[in-house]
């Protein structure tokens, strides 16, 4: 077990001290088991009001309309947290195709079941849309290979979407294509919840 994994209970307890009602999930390389000794610990943290929440010793990196990103150290390990309002769980479900990372995150602390409920809905959507799921899996696999080796699985291959926003826009276009096909031919429609809704920012790398 890596050093990052070993200190997760300590990290979770530190976050809970400043946000007792929070829900916490693990993402990034530590979640998938390809962390290096110098890898960060990437966490998704849901709180009642992210703008009213501060974490002792944490340095704010940036803020959007939906979340803040901050980091702090536990020993020599850097922890990066993306923290957002509980209401974000409902917003995410309006554009589930952009939320595969949240869907696959490892829940560490979820006393009210908020992460669990959101993940259940997202997983139902992705199970009903294998084309989108496969696209996400391919992109994440390429990213992981880059993280491990500095090069893609096939040296002749490069990332089709090196910027996350480019990839998100491509997924948006595929969902719109499926929705249009559904509108013209209901028998060819993908199963699952409606894909109507606005876009959200992909805030966490794989």
C-alpha atoms as a PDB file:
ATOM      1  CA  UNK A   1       0.000   0.000   0.000  1.00  0.00           C
ATOM      2  CA  UNK A   2       1.325   3.435  -0.931  1.00  0.00           C
ATOM      3  CA  UNK A   3       2.113   6.189   1.533  1.00  0.00           C
ATOM      4  CA  UNK A   4      -0.798   8.178   0.076  1.00  0.00           C
ATOM      5  CA  UNK A   5      -3.206   5.343   0.858  1.00  0.00           C
ATOM      6  CA  UNK A   6      -1.802   4.942   4.354  1.00  0.00           C
ATOM      7  CA  UNK A   7      -2.488   8.535   5.343  1.00  0.00           C
ATOM      8  CA  UNK A   8      -6.021   8.772   3.888  1.00  0.00           C
ATOM      9  CA  UNK A   9      -7.720   8.330   7.311  1.00  0.00           C
ATOM     10  CA  UNK A  10      -5.628  11.208   8.653  1.00  0.00           C
ATOM     11  CA  UNK A  11      -6.516  13.371   5.651  1.00  0.00           C
ATOM     12  CA  UNK A  12     -10.235  12.622   5.960  1.00  0.00           C
ATOM     13  CA  UNK A  13     -10.206  13.464   9.669  1.00  0.00           C
ATOM     14  CA  UNK A  14      -8.461  16.764   9.016  1.00  0.00           C
ATOM     15  CA  UNK A  15     -11.113  17.765   6.468  1.00  0.00           C
ATOM     16  CA  UNK A  16     -13.941  16.704   8.771  1.00  0.00           C
ATOM     17  CA  UNK A  17     -12.609  18.971  11.518  1.00  0.00           C
ATOM     18  CA  UNK A  18     -13.258  22.032   9.343  1.00  0.00           C
ATOM     19  CA  UNK A  19     -16.383  20.686   7.576  1.00  0.00           C
ATOM     20  CA  UNK A  20     -18.198  18.257   9.910  1.00  0.00           C
ATOM     21  CA  UNK A  21     -21.133  17.735   7.523  1.00  0.00           C
ATOM     22  CA  UNK A  22     -18.970  17.010   4.491  1.00  0.00           C
ATOM     23  CA  UNK A  23     -18.910  14.036   2.130  1.00  0.00           C
ATOM     24  CA  UNK A  24     -15.540  12.981   0.693  1.00  0.00           C
ATOM     25  CA  UNK A  25     -14.477  10.862  -2.288  1.00  0.00           C
ATOM     26  CA  UNK A  26     -11.094   9.942  -3.727  1.00  0.00           C
ATOM     27  CA  UNK A  27     -10.161  10.567  -7.378  1.00  0.00           C
ATOM     28  CA  UNK A  28      -6.989  10.785  -9.430  1.00  0.00           C
ATOM     29  CA  UNK A  29      -4.036   8.413  -9.521  1.00  0.00           C
ATOM     30  CA  UNK A  30      -4.409   7.197  -5.936  1.00  0.00           C
ATOM     31  CA  UNK A  31      -7.998   6.152  -6.662  1.00  0.00           C
ATOM     32  CA  UNK A  32      -6.901   4.012  -9.617  1.00  0.00           C
ATOM     33  CA  UNK A  33      -3.693   2.692  -8.068  1.00  0.00           C
ATOM     34  CA  UNK A  34      -1.089   4.169 -10.406  1.00  0.00           C
ATOM     35  CA  UNK A  35       0.259   6.824  -8.052  1.00  0.00           C
ATOM     36  CA  UNK A  36       3.969   7.591  -7.896  1.00  0.00           C
ATOM     37  CA  UNK A  37       5.783   8.493  -4.643  1.00  0.00           C
ATOM     38  CA  UNK A  38       5.376  12.190  -5.533  1.00  0.00           C
ATOM     39  CA  UNK A  39       1.696  11.978  -6.591  1.00  0.00           C
ATOM     40  CA  UNK A  40      -0.915  14.240  -5.015  1.00  0.00           C
ATOM     41  CA  UNK A  41      -3.961  12.946  -3.194  1.00  0.00           C
ATOM     42  CA  UNK A  42      -6.985  14.225  -5.170  1.00  0.00           C
ATOM     43  CA  UNK A  43     -10.255  14.542  -3.253  1.00  0.00           C
ATOM     44  CA  UNK A  44     -13.800  15.637  -4.072  1.00  0.00           C
ATOM     45  CA  UNK A  45     -15.451  17.230  -1.052  1.00  0.00           C
ATOM     46  CA  UNK A  46     -19.129  18.185  -0.831  1.00  0.00           C
ATOM     47  CA  UNK A  47     -20.144  20.754   1.807  1.00  0.00           C
ATOM     48  CA  UNK A  48     -23.294  22.751   2.622  1.00  0.00           C
ATOM     49  CA  UNK A  49     -21.813  26.018   1.283  1.00  0.00           C
ATOM     50  CA  UNK A  50     -18.379  25.987  -0.367  1.00  0.00           C
ATOM     51  CA  UNK A  51     -18.011  29.777  -0.253  1.00  0.00           C
ATOM     52  CA  UNK A  52     -18.498  29.738   3.515  1.00  0.00           C
ATOM     53  CA  UNK A  53     -16.086  26.840   4.044  1.00  0.00           C
ATOM     54  CA  UNK A  54     -12.408  27.255   4.840  1.00  0.00           C
ATOM     55  CA  UNK A  55      -9.847  24.573   5.533  1.00  0.00           C
ATOM     56  CA  UNK A  56      -7.073  25.371   8.010  1.00  0.00           C
ATOM     57  CA  UNK A  57      -3.685  25.632   6.347  1.00  0.00           C
ATOM     58  CA  UNK A  58      -5.097  25.161   2.845  1.00  0.00           C
ATOM     59  CA  UNK A  59      -4.014  27.395  -0.034  1.00  0.00           C
ATOM     60  CA  UNK A  60      -6.745  28.354  -2.489  1.00  0.00           C
ATOM     61  CA  UNK A  61      -5.722  27.602  -6.084  1.00  0.00           C
ATOM     62  CA  UNK A  62      -8.755  28.859  -7.995  1.00  0.00           C
ATOM     63  CA  UNK A  63     -12.514  29.225  -7.844  1.00  0.00           C
ATOM     64  CA  UNK A  64     -15.380  28.817 -10.301  1.00  0.00           C
ATOM     65  CA  UNK A  65     -19.094  29.443  -9.931  1.00  0.00           C
ATOM     66  CA  UNK A  66     -19.433  25.813  -8.840  1.00  0.00           C
ATOM     67  CA  UNK A  67     -16.417  25.015  -6.688  1.00  0.00           C
ATOM     68  CA  UNK A  68     -13.102  25.937  -5.149  1.00  0.00           C
ATOM     69  CA  UNK A  69      -9.807  24.117  -5.507  1.00  0.00           C
ATOM     70  CA  UNK A  70      -7.355  24.231  -2.611  1.00  0.00           C
ATOM     71  CA  UNK A  71      -4.342  22.269  -1.421  1.00  0.00           C
ATOM     72  CA  UNK A  72      -2.486  21.500   1.772  1.00  0.00           C
ATOM     73  CA  UNK A  73       0.214  19.120   2.949  1.00  0.00           C
ATOM     74  CA  UNK A  74       0.070  16.181   5.307  1.00  0.00           C
ATOM     75  CA  UNK A  75       3.708  15.492   5.997  1.00  0.00           C
ATOM     76  CA  UNK A  76       5.399  15.529   2.603  1.00  0.00           C
ATOM     77  CA  UNK A  77       2.238  14.587   0.691  1.00  0.00           C
ATOM     78  CA  UNK A  78       0.251  17.239  -1.137  1.00  0.00           C
ATOM     79  CA  UNK A  79      -3.535  16.999  -0.923  1.00  0.00           C
ATOM     80  CA  UNK A  80      -5.690  18.752  -3.525  1.00  0.00           C
ATOM     81  CA  UNK A  81      -9.368  19.177  -2.762  1.00  0.00           C
ATOM     82  CA  UNK A  82     -12.156  20.258  -5.073  1.00  0.00           C
ATOM     83  CA  UNK A  83     -14.998  21.329  -2.813  1.00  0.00           C
ATOM     84  CA  UNK A  84     -18.515  22.231  -3.843  1.00  0.00           C
ATOM     85  CA  UNK A  85     -22.076  22.589  -2.506  1.00  0.00           C
ATOM     86  CA  UNK A  86     -24.338  19.616  -1.862  1.00  0.00           C
ATOM     87  CA  UNK A  87     -26.622  21.131  -4.527  1.00  0.00           C
ATOM     88  CA  UNK A  88     -23.955  20.320  -7.107  1.00  0.00           C
ATOM     89  CA  UNK A  89     -24.998  16.659  -6.952  1.00  0.00           C
ATOM     90  CA  UNK A  90     -28.372  17.590  -8.437  1.00  0.00           C
ATOM     91  CA  UNK A  91     -26.768  19.837 -11.044  1.00  0.00           C
ATOM     92  CA  UNK A  92     -24.377  17.088 -12.145  1.00  0.00           C
ATOM     93  CA  UNK A  93     -27.275  14.771 -12.883  1.00  0.00           C
ATOM     94  CA  UNK A  94     -28.598  17.250 -15.449  1.00  0.00           C
ATOM     95  CA  UNK A  95     -25.457  16.628 -17.568  1.00  0.00           C
ATOM     96  CA  UNK A  96     -24.309  13.179 -16.416  1.00  0.00           C
ATOM     97  CA  UNK A  97     -22.139  12.541 -19.474  1.00  0.00           C
ATOM     98  CA  UNK A  98     -19.610  15.081 -18.160  1.00  0.00           C
ATOM     99  CA  UNK A  99     -19.288  13.438 -14.749  1.00  0.00           C
ATOM    100  CA  UNK A 100     -17.589  10.081 -15.264  1.00  0.00           C
ATOM    101  CA  UNK A 101     -14.792  10.943 -12.825  1.00  0.00           C
ATOM    102  CA  UNK A 102     -17.289  11.665 -10.068  1.00  0.00           C
ATOM    103  CA  UNK A 103     -19.165   8.508 -11.036  1.00  0.00           C
ATOM    104  CA  UNK A 104     -15.996   6.428 -10.565  1.00  0.00           C
ATOM    105  CA  UNK A 105     -14.657   8.166  -7.444  1.00  0.00           C
ATOM    106  CA  UNK A 106     -14.024   6.067  -4.336  1.00  0.00           C
ATOM    107  CA  UNK A 107     -16.237   7.202  -1.470  1.00  0.00           C
ATOM    108  CA  UNK A 108     -14.314   7.715   1.766  1.00  0.00           C
ATOM    109  CA  UNK A 109     -16.857   9.487   3.968  1.00  0.00           C
ATOM    110  CA  UNK A 110     -20.553   9.838   3.179  1.00  0.00           C
ATOM    111  CA  UNK A 111     -22.667   9.857   6.365  1.00  0.00           C
ATOM    112  CA  UNK A 112     -25.825  11.119   4.652  1.00  0.00           C
ATOM    113  CA  UNK A 113     -25.430   9.010   1.512  1.00  0.00           C
ATOM    114  CA  UNK A 114     -25.193  12.016  -0.825  1.00  0.00           C
ATOM    115  CA  UNK A 115     -22.261  10.746  -2.865  1.00  0.00           C
ATOM    116  CA  UNK A 116     -23.739   7.260  -2.946  1.00  0.00           C
ATOM    117  CA  UNK A 117     -27.099   8.462  -4.262  1.00  0.00           C
ATOM    118  CA  UNK A 118     -25.470  10.620  -6.943  1.00  0.00           C
ATOM    119  CA  UNK A 119     -23.145   7.831  -8.069  1.00  0.00           C
ATOM    120  CA  UNK A 120     -26.035   5.400  -8.350  1.00  0.00           C
ATOM    121  CA  UNK A 121     -27.882   7.750 -10.721  1.00  0.00           C
ATOM    122  CA  UNK A 122     -24.743   8.464 -12.764  1.00  0.00           C
ATOM    123  CA  UNK A 123     -23.850   4.795 -13.103  1.00  0.00           C
ATOM    124  CA  UNK A 124     -27.339   4.004 -14.348  1.00  0.00           C
ATOM    125  CA  UNK A 125     -26.915   6.655 -17.021  1.00  0.00           C
ATOM    126  CA  UNK A 126     -23.497   5.417 -18.151  1.00  0.00           C
ATOM    127  CA  UNK A 127     -24.657   1.792 -18.192  1.00  0.00           C
ATOM    128  CA  UNK A 128     -27.432   2.874 -20.553  1.00  0.00           C
ATOM    129  CA  UNK A 129     -24.976   4.748 -22.792  1.00  0.00           C
ATOM    130  CA  UNK A 130     -22.071   2.363 -23.547  1.00  0.00           C
ATOM    131  CA  UNK A 131     -20.775   4.488 -26.414  1.00  0.00           C
ATOM    132  CA  UNK A 132     -20.132   7.422 -24.076  1.00  0.00           C
ATOM    133  CA  UNK A 133     -18.756   5.124 -21.360  1.00  0.00           C
ATOM    134  CA  UNK A 134     -16.281   3.539 -23.788  1.00  0.00           C
ATOM    135  CA  UNK A 135     -15.114   6.958 -24.930  1.00  0.00           C
ATOM    136  CA  UNK A 136     -14.417   7.988 -21.341  1.00  0.00           C
ATOM    137  CA  UNK A 137     -12.597   4.717 -20.617  1.00  0.00           C
ATOM    138  CA  UNK A 138     -10.369   5.160 -23.661  1.00  0.00           C
ATOM    139  CA  UNK A 139      -9.493   8.748 -22.777  1.00  0.00           C
ATOM    140  CA  UNK A 140      -8.735   7.886 -19.145  1.00  0.00           C
ATOM    141  CA  UNK A 141      -6.607   4.913 -20.138  1.00  0.00           C
ATOM    142  CA  UNK A 142      -4.533   7.131 -22.388  1.00  0.00           C
ATOM    143  CA  UNK A 143      -4.122   9.685 -19.599  1.00  0.00           C
ATOM    144  CA  UNK A 144      -3.035   7.010 -17.135  1.00  0.00           C
ATOM    145  CA  UNK A 145      -0.479   5.666 -19.590  1.00  0.00           C
ATOM    146  CA  UNK A 146       0.944   9.141 -20.010  1.00  0.00           C
ATOM    147  CA  UNK A 147       1.102   9.552 -16.223  1.00  0.00           C
ATOM    148  CA  UNK A 148       2.973   6.277 -15.798  1.00  0.00           C
ATOM    149  CA  UNK A 149       5.367   6.385 -18.749  1.00  0.00           C
ATOM    150  CA  UNK A 150       5.248   9.835 -20.291  1.00  0.00           C
ATOM    151  CA  UNK A 151       4.023   8.361 -23.570  1.00  0.00           C
ATOM    152  CA  UNK A 152       0.797   6.818 -24.922  1.00  0.00           C
ATOM    153  CA  UNK A 153       0.229   3.029 -25.010  1.00  0.00           C
ATOM    154  CA  UNK A 154       1.088   3.023 -28.723  1.00  0.00           C
ATOM    155  CA  UNK A 155       3.975   5.314 -29.655  1.00  0.00           C
ATOM    156  CA  UNK A 156       2.164   6.150 -32.890  1.00  0.00           C
ATOM    157  CA  UNK A 157      -0.860   7.329 -30.900  1.00  0.00           C
ATOM    158  CA  UNK A 158      -1.370  10.729 -29.326  1.00  0.00           C
ATOM    159  CA  UNK A 159      -4.176  11.975 -27.145  1.00  0.00           C
ATOM    160  CA  UNK A 160      -7.074  12.988 -29.368  1.00  0.00           C
ATOM    161  CA  UNK A 161      -8.210  15.526 -26.766  1.00  0.00           C
ATOM    162  CA  UNK A 162      -5.214  16.828 -24.778  1.00  0.00           C
ATOM    163  CA  UNK A 163      -7.352  19.545 -23.160  1.00  0.00           C
ATOM    164  CA  UNK A 164     -10.184  18.389 -20.904  1.00  0.00           C
ATOM    165  CA  UNK A 165     -12.541  21.049 -22.203  1.00  0.00           C
ATOM    166  CA  UNK A 166     -12.014  19.806 -25.772  1.00  0.00           C
ATOM    167  CA  UNK A 167     -12.866  16.285 -24.664  1.00  0.00           C
ATOM    168  CA  UNK A 168     -15.940  17.493 -22.743  1.00  0.00           C
ATOM    169  CA  UNK A 169     -17.181  19.365 -25.817  1.00  0.00           C
ATOM    170  CA  UNK A 170     -16.703  16.241 -27.927  1.00  0.00           C
ATOM    171  CA  UNK A 171     -18.795  14.225 -25.459  1.00  0.00           C
ATOM    172  CA  UNK A 172     -21.425  16.982 -25.524  1.00  0.00           C
ATOM    173  CA  UNK A 173     -21.604  16.650 -29.316  1.00  0.00           C
ATOM    174  CA  UNK A 174     -22.025  12.865 -29.157  1.00  0.00           C
ATOM    175  CA  UNK A 175     -24.841  13.181 -26.624  1.00  0.00           C
ATOM    176  CA  UNK A 176     -26.565  15.757 -28.824  1.00  0.00           C
ATOM    177  CA  UNK A 177     -26.209  13.351 -31.744  1.00  0.00           C
ATOM    178  CA  UNK A 178     -27.834  10.551 -29.745  1.00  0.00           C
ATOM    179  CA  UNK A 179     -30.599  12.886 -28.609  1.00  0.00           C
ATOM    180  CA  UNK A 180     -31.281  14.010 -32.184  1.00  0.00           C
ATOM    181  CA  UNK A 181     -31.416  10.395 -33.322  1.00  0.00           C
ATOM    182  CA  UNK A 182     -33.896   9.677 -30.559  1.00  0.00           C
ATOM    183  CA  UNK A 183     -36.058  12.609 -31.670  1.00  0.00           C
ATOM    184  CA  UNK A 184     -36.207  11.286 -35.245  1.00  0.00           C
ATOM    185  CA  UNK A 185     -36.347   7.561 -34.461  1.00  0.00           C
ATOM    186  CA  UNK A 186     -37.608   6.674 -30.954  1.00  0.00           C
ATOM    187  CA  UNK A 187     -36.806   2.987 -31.516  1.00  0.00           C
ATOM    188  CA  UNK A 188     -33.134   3.906 -31.938  1.00  0.00           C
ATOM    189  CA  UNK A 189     -33.042   5.913 -28.732  1.00  0.00           C
ATOM    190  CA  UNK A 190     -30.515   5.240 -25.967  1.00  0.00           C
ATOM    191  CA  UNK A 191     -32.107   4.022 -22.762  1.00  0.00           C
ATOM    192  CA  UNK A 192     -31.919   5.918 -19.501  1.00  0.00           C
ATOM    193  CA  UNK A 193     -32.591   9.417 -18.203  1.00  0.00           C
ATOM    194  CA  UNK A 194     -32.950  12.411 -20.482  1.00  0.00           C
ATOM    195  CA  UNK A 195     -29.745  13.972 -21.769  1.00  0.00           C
ATOM    196  CA  UNK A 196     -31.172  17.469 -21.791  1.00  0.00           C
ATOM    197  CA  UNK A 197     -29.443  20.063 -19.642  1.00  0.00           C
ATOM    198  CA  UNK A 198     -26.607  22.578 -19.491  1.00  0.00           C
ATOM    199  CA  UNK A 199     -22.912  21.813 -19.389  1.00  0.00           C
ATOM    200  CA  UNK A 200     -20.771  21.744 -16.283  1.00  0.00           C
ATOM    201  CA  UNK A 201     -17.065  22.140 -15.778  1.00  0.00           C
ATOM    202  CA  UNK A 202     -14.958  18.994 -15.613  1.00  0.00           C
ATOM    203  CA  UNK A 203     -13.084  19.860 -12.447  1.00  0.00           C
ATOM    204  CA  UNK A 204     -11.048  16.777 -11.646  1.00  0.00           C
ATOM    205  CA  UNK A 205      -8.449  15.026 -13.762  1.00  0.00           C
ATOM    206  CA  UNK A 206      -8.377  11.221 -13.813  1.00  0.00           C
END
